[in-house]
């Protein structure tokens, strides 16, 4: 049986990827009680980063619109990590928190717009349950020279 969240993803022309393999010693997600915390998820597609570099405006930089798309990819990877812990994403009652890291050129201050890529997608998938608290943080560099990294905190329905 297809879950309603998977059905919504299909309507959006998306599907959950395989859980991205950790790049160091950690697990992609941990469940404790009614919450699942993901590790930072990068925009991997088929095991490789979709893009690398710093985000900003100008030649040789990852543009903000591209970076927002990468944040969407990273949040799909985060949802795959959640699903690996709970089975069906239909158990999600709320996306509690999103933390987005943006590897930023020193002059770039548009981190909130980049992380909106993840936030908007969560709203499209979960509706009101996708509305969340959020941080959008500019950093000098991310693992593997990724432009973005996304973490989630998800609350589950009571069993």
Protein backbone atom coordinates (compact mmCIF):
# COMPACT_ATOMS: atom_id res chain seq x y z
CA UNK A 1 0.00 0.00 0.00
CA UNK A 2 1.32 3.43 -0.92
CA UNK A 3 1.45 5.84 1.98
CA UNK A 4 -0.19 9.23 1.57
CA UNK A 5 3.19 10.95 1.95
CA UNK A 6 4.67 8.78 -0.80
CA UNK A 7 1.58 9.54 -2.87
CA UNK A 8 2.10 13.27 -2.33
CA UNK A 9 5.74 12.93 -3.35
CA UNK A 10 4.63 11.15 -6.52
CA UNK A 11 2.16 13.97 -7.26
CA UNK A 12 5.11 16.37 -6.98
CA UNK A 13 7.13 14.19 -9.36
CA UNK A 14 9.50 13.15 -6.57
CA UNK A 15 10.46 9.97 -4.78
CA UNK A 16 12.46 9.17 -1.69
CA UNK A 17 16.05 8.26 -2.52
CA UNK A 18 18.03 5.50 -0.88
CA UNK A 19 19.45 6.60 2.45
CA UNK A 20 22.75 8.35 1.82
CA UNK A 21 25.72 6.50 3.24
CA UNK A 22 27.43 8.37 6.09
CA UNK A 23 30.73 10.03 5.15
CA UNK A 24 32.19 9.43 8.65
CA UNK A 25 31.34 7.62 11.90
CA UNK A 26 27.68 8.41 12.59
CA UNK A 27 24.22 7.20 11.61
CA UNK A 28 21.85 9.06 9.25
CA UNK A 29 19.10 9.38 11.88
CA UNK A 30 18.25 8.47 15.45
CA UNK A 31 14.83 7.92 16.96
CA UNK A 32 14.21 8.71 20.60
CA UNK A 33 10.65 8.44 21.87
CA UNK A 34 8.35 10.32 19.48
CA UNK A 35 11.18 12.24 17.77
CA UNK A 36 13.60 11.52 14.98
CA UNK A 37 16.75 13.62 14.63
CA UNK A 38 18.65 13.44 11.37
CA UNK A 39 22.33 13.96 10.89
CA UNK A 40 23.19 16.68 8.42
CA UNK A 41 22.16 15.53 4.96
CA UNK A 42 23.95 16.65 1.82
CA UNK A 43 22.40 16.94 -1.67
CA UNK A 44 23.51 13.50 -2.84
CA UNK A 45 21.95 12.12 -6.00
CA UNK A 46 22.80 8.48 -6.75
CA UNK A 47 25.72 8.61 -4.31
CA UNK A 48 27.35 11.77 -5.64
CA UNK A 49 26.96 15.44 -4.77
CA UNK A 50 24.75 17.23 -7.29
CA UNK A 51 27.07 20.28 -7.11
CA UNK A 52 30.02 21.55 -5.10
CA UNK A 53 31.33 24.95 -4.13
CA UNK A 54 30.38 28.11 -2.32
CA UNK A 55 27.02 29.81 -2.71
CA UNK A 56 26.86 33.37 -3.94
CA UNK A 57 26.39 35.64 -6.91
CA UNK A 58 29.12 35.58 -9.50
CA UNK A 59 31.28 33.47 -11.73
CA UNK A 60 32.49 30.22 -10.22
CA UNK A 61 29.88 30.26 -7.44
CA UNK A 62 26.77 28.15 -6.97
CA UNK A 63 23.86 30.51 -7.58
CA UNK A 64 21.17 30.97 -4.91
CA UNK A 65 18.43 29.35 -7.02
CA UNK A 66 20.61 26.31 -7.70
CA UNK A 67 21.46 26.15 -3.99
CA UNK A 68 17.75 26.28 -3.05
CA UNK A 69 17.18 23.31 -5.38
CA UNK A 70 20.06 21.51 -3.67
CA UNK A 71 18.39 22.19 -0.30
CA UNK A 72 15.28 20.42 -1.69
CA UNK A 73 17.44 17.44 -2.61
CA UNK A 74 19.07 17.42 0.83
CA UNK A 75 15.69 17.48 2.57
CA UNK A 76 14.57 14.47 0.50
CA UNK A 77 17.68 12.69 1.76
CA UNK A 78 16.77 13.72 5.31
CA UNK A 79 13.25 12.33 4.86
CA UNK A 80 14.74 9.07 3.57
CA UNK A 81 16.82 8.92 6.77
CA UNK A 82 13.66 9.49 8.84
CA UNK A 83 11.82 6.77 6.92
CA UNK A 84 14.70 4.35 7.58
CA UNK A 85 13.94 4.70 11.30
CA UNK A 86 10.15 4.60 11.26
CA UNK A 87 9.03 2.84 8.08
CA UNK A 88 6.20 5.00 6.79
CA UNK A 89 6.46 8.79 6.71
CA UNK A 90 2.72 8.79 7.40
CA UNK A 91 3.73 8.49 11.08
CA UNK A 92 5.11 12.04 10.95
CA UNK A 93 2.82 14.40 12.87
CA UNK A 94 5.02 17.48 12.50
CA UNK A 95 8.30 18.75 11.13
CA UNK A 96 9.56 20.49 14.28
CA UNK A 97 12.85 22.06 13.20
CA UNK A 98 14.98 22.52 10.11
CA UNK A 99 18.61 23.56 10.36
CA UNK A 100 20.17 24.60 7.08
CA UNK A 101 23.85 25.27 6.56
CA UNK A 102 24.96 27.18 3.46
CA UNK A 103 28.61 27.22 2.40
CA UNK A 104 28.71 30.91 1.59
CA UNK A 105 30.95 33.24 -0.33
CA UNK A 106 31.97 35.95 2.19
CA UNK A 107 29.71 38.54 0.53
CA UNK A 108 26.63 36.27 0.37
CA UNK A 109 23.82 36.99 2.86
CA UNK A 110 20.91 35.15 1.24
CA UNK A 111 21.03 31.99 3.36
CA UNK A 112 17.32 32.19 4.31
CA UNK A 113 16.27 32.09 0.65
CA UNK A 114 18.50 29.06 0.02
CA UNK A 115 17.09 27.12 2.98
CA UNK A 116 13.59 28.06 1.81
CA UNK A 117 14.12 25.37 -0.83
CA UNK A 118 13.85 22.80 1.96
CA UNK A 119 11.11 24.62 3.87
CA UNK A 120 8.83 25.08 0.86
CA UNK A 121 9.16 21.42 -0.11
CA UNK A 122 8.29 20.28 3.42
CA UNK A 123 5.15 22.44 3.25
CA UNK A 124 4.25 20.97 -0.14
CA UNK A 125 4.64 17.44 1.21
CA UNK A 126 3.18 17.74 4.73
CA UNK A 127 0.92 20.81 4.56
CA UNK A 128 0.43 22.41 7.98
CA UNK A 129 2.44 19.61 9.61
CA UNK A 130 5.39 20.79 7.52
CA UNK A 131 5.46 24.27 9.09
CA UNK A 132 8.53 24.38 11.33
CA UNK A 133 11.04 26.40 13.30
CA UNK A 134 14.24 26.98 11.36
CA UNK A 135 17.81 28.21 11.33
CA UNK A 136 19.66 29.23 8.16
CA UNK A 137 23.37 29.47 8.87
CA UNK A 138 26.16 30.66 6.60
CA UNK A 139 29.40 28.72 7.01
CA UNK A 140 32.84 28.82 5.38
CA UNK A 141 32.86 25.22 4.18
CA UNK A 142 30.79 22.03 4.41
CA UNK A 143 31.80 18.37 4.11
CA UNK A 144 32.98 17.33 0.62
CA UNK A 145 32.64 21.00 -0.46
CA UNK A 146 28.85 20.66 -0.49
CA UNK A 147 26.99 23.95 -0.98
CA UNK A 148 24.23 23.02 1.52
CA UNK A 149 23.48 20.68 4.40
CA UNK A 150 20.09 20.10 6.02
CA UNK A 151 19.10 18.60 9.39
CA UNK A 152 15.57 17.76 10.55
CA UNK A 153 13.81 17.17 13.84
CA UNK A 154 10.56 15.30 13.26
CA UNK A 155 7.77 14.48 15.72
CA UNK A 156 5.85 11.24 15.28
CA UNK A 157 2.24 10.41 16.01
CA UNK A 158 1.56 8.77 19.35
CA UNK A 159 1.44 5.01 18.99
